[in-house]
C-alpha atoms as a PDB file:
ATOM      1  CA  MET A   1       7.778 -71.098-227.894  1.00  0.00           C
ATOM      2  CA  ALA A   2       7.343 -75.010-228.504  1.00  0.00           C
ATOM      3  CA  VAL A   3       4.814 -76.160-230.565  1.00  0.00           C
ATOM      4  CA  TYR A   4       3.343 -79.536-230.375  1.00  0.00           C
ATOM      5  CA  PRO A   5       0.971 -81.507-232.678  1.00  0.00           C
ATOM      6  CA  THR A   6      -2.636 -81.868-231.268  1.00  0.00           C
ATOM      7  CA  SER A   7      -2.816 -85.595-231.239  1.00  0.00           C
ATOM      8  CA  LYS A   8       0.135 -85.736-228.873  1.00  0.00           C
ATOM      9  CA  PHE A   9      -1.260 -82.900-226.476  1.00  0.00           C
ATOM     10  CA  ILE A  10      -4.608 -85.168-226.290  1.00  0.00           C
ATOM     11  CA  THR A  11      -2.671 -88.322-225.451  1.00  0.00           C
ATOM     12  CA  ALA A  12      -0.731 -86.358-222.824  1.00  0.00           C
ATOM     13  CA  ILE A  13      -3.733 -85.161-220.807  1.00  0.00           C
ATOM     14  CA  LYS A  14      -5.553 -88.481-221.268  1.00  0.00           C
ATOM     15  CA  ARG A  15      -2.819 -90.208-219.301  1.00  0.00           C
ATOM     16  CA  LYS A  16      -3.004 -87.384-216.514  1.00  0.00           C
ATOM     17  CA  GLY A  17      -6.993 -88.053-215.866  1.00  0.00           C
ATOM     18  CA  PHE A  18      -8.526 -86.105-218.347  1.00  0.00           C
ATOM     19  CA  VAL A  19     -11.768 -87.373-220.028  1.00  0.00           C
ATOM     20  CA  PRO A  20     -13.170 -86.082-223.255  1.00  0.00           C
ATOM     21  CA  ASP A  21     -16.576 -84.904-223.606  1.00  0.00           C
ATOM     22  CA  LYS A  22     -17.715 -83.965-227.029  1.00  0.00           C
ATOM     23  CA  THR A  23     -19.582 -80.623-227.515  1.00  0.00           C
ATOM     24  CA  HIS A  24     -19.058 -77.897-229.922  1.00  0.00           C
ATOM     25  CA  HIS A  25     -15.241 -78.339-229.277  1.00  0.00           C
ATOM     26  CA  THR A  26     -13.779 -81.257-227.525  1.00  0.00           C
ATOM     27  CA  MET A  27     -13.867 -80.573-223.940  1.00  0.00           C
ATOM     28  CA  PHE A  28     -11.449 -82.577-221.457  1.00  0.00           C
ATOM     29  CA  TRP A  29     -12.575 -82.731-217.798  1.00  0.00           C
ATOM     30  CA  TYR A  30     -10.382 -83.716-215.038  1.00  0.00           C
ATOM     31  CA  TYR A  31     -11.480 -86.661-212.831  1.00  0.00           C
ATOM     32  CA  LEU A  32     -10.068 -87.522-209.398  1.00  0.00           C
ATOM     33  CA  ASP A  33     -10.671 -90.629-207.817  1.00  0.00           C
ATOM     34  CA  GLY A  34     -13.563 -91.368-210.062  1.00  0.00           C
ATOM     35  CA  LYS A  35     -15.246 -87.764-209.517  1.00  0.00           C
ATOM     36  CA  LYS A  36     -15.569 -85.135-211.911  1.00  0.00           C
ATOM     37  CA  THR A  37     -13.595 -81.964-210.962  1.00  0.00           C
ATOM     38  CA  SER A  38     -14.275 -78.439-212.303  1.00  0.00           C
ATOM     39  CA  VAL A  39     -10.896 -78.446-214.062  1.00  0.00           C
ATOM     40  CA  ARG A  40     -11.190 -78.505-217.522  1.00  0.00           C
ATOM     41  CA  THR A  41      -9.860 -77.535-221.145  1.00  0.00           C
ATOM     42  CA  ARG A  42     -10.658 -77.811-224.937  1.00  0.00           C
ATOM     43  CA  THR A  43      -9.461 -78.432-228.113  1.00  0.00           C
ATOM     44  CA  SER A  44     -11.026 -77.432-231.481  1.00  0.00           C
ATOM     45  CA  HIS A  45     -11.576 -79.827-234.176  1.00  0.00           C
ATOM     46  CA  GLY A  46      -9.522 -78.173-236.692  1.00  0.00           C
ATOM     47  CA  GLU A  47      -6.411 -77.308-234.745  1.00  0.00           C
ATOM     48  CA  LYS A  48      -3.271 -79.276-235.975  1.00  0.00           C
ATOM     49  CA  GLU A  49      -0.820 -77.915-233.621  1.00  0.00           C
ATOM     50  CA  PHE A  50      -0.847 -76.566-229.794  1.00  0.00           C
ATOM     51  CA  ASN A  51       1.459 -74.177-228.516  1.00  0.00           C
ATOM     52  CA  ASP A  52       2.262 -72.581-225.079  1.00  0.00           C
END
């Protein structure tokens, strides 16, 4: 199982069109052609690494 630094994960999803939205966790919403879609992911503030 691969392990990635959370900072690299965040950089990669931002490049793909995800936009952060600060809530209890950091939510990332996918925007397509300037419109918000229902596709989302999140990261916890304390997570240092991300895995598969």
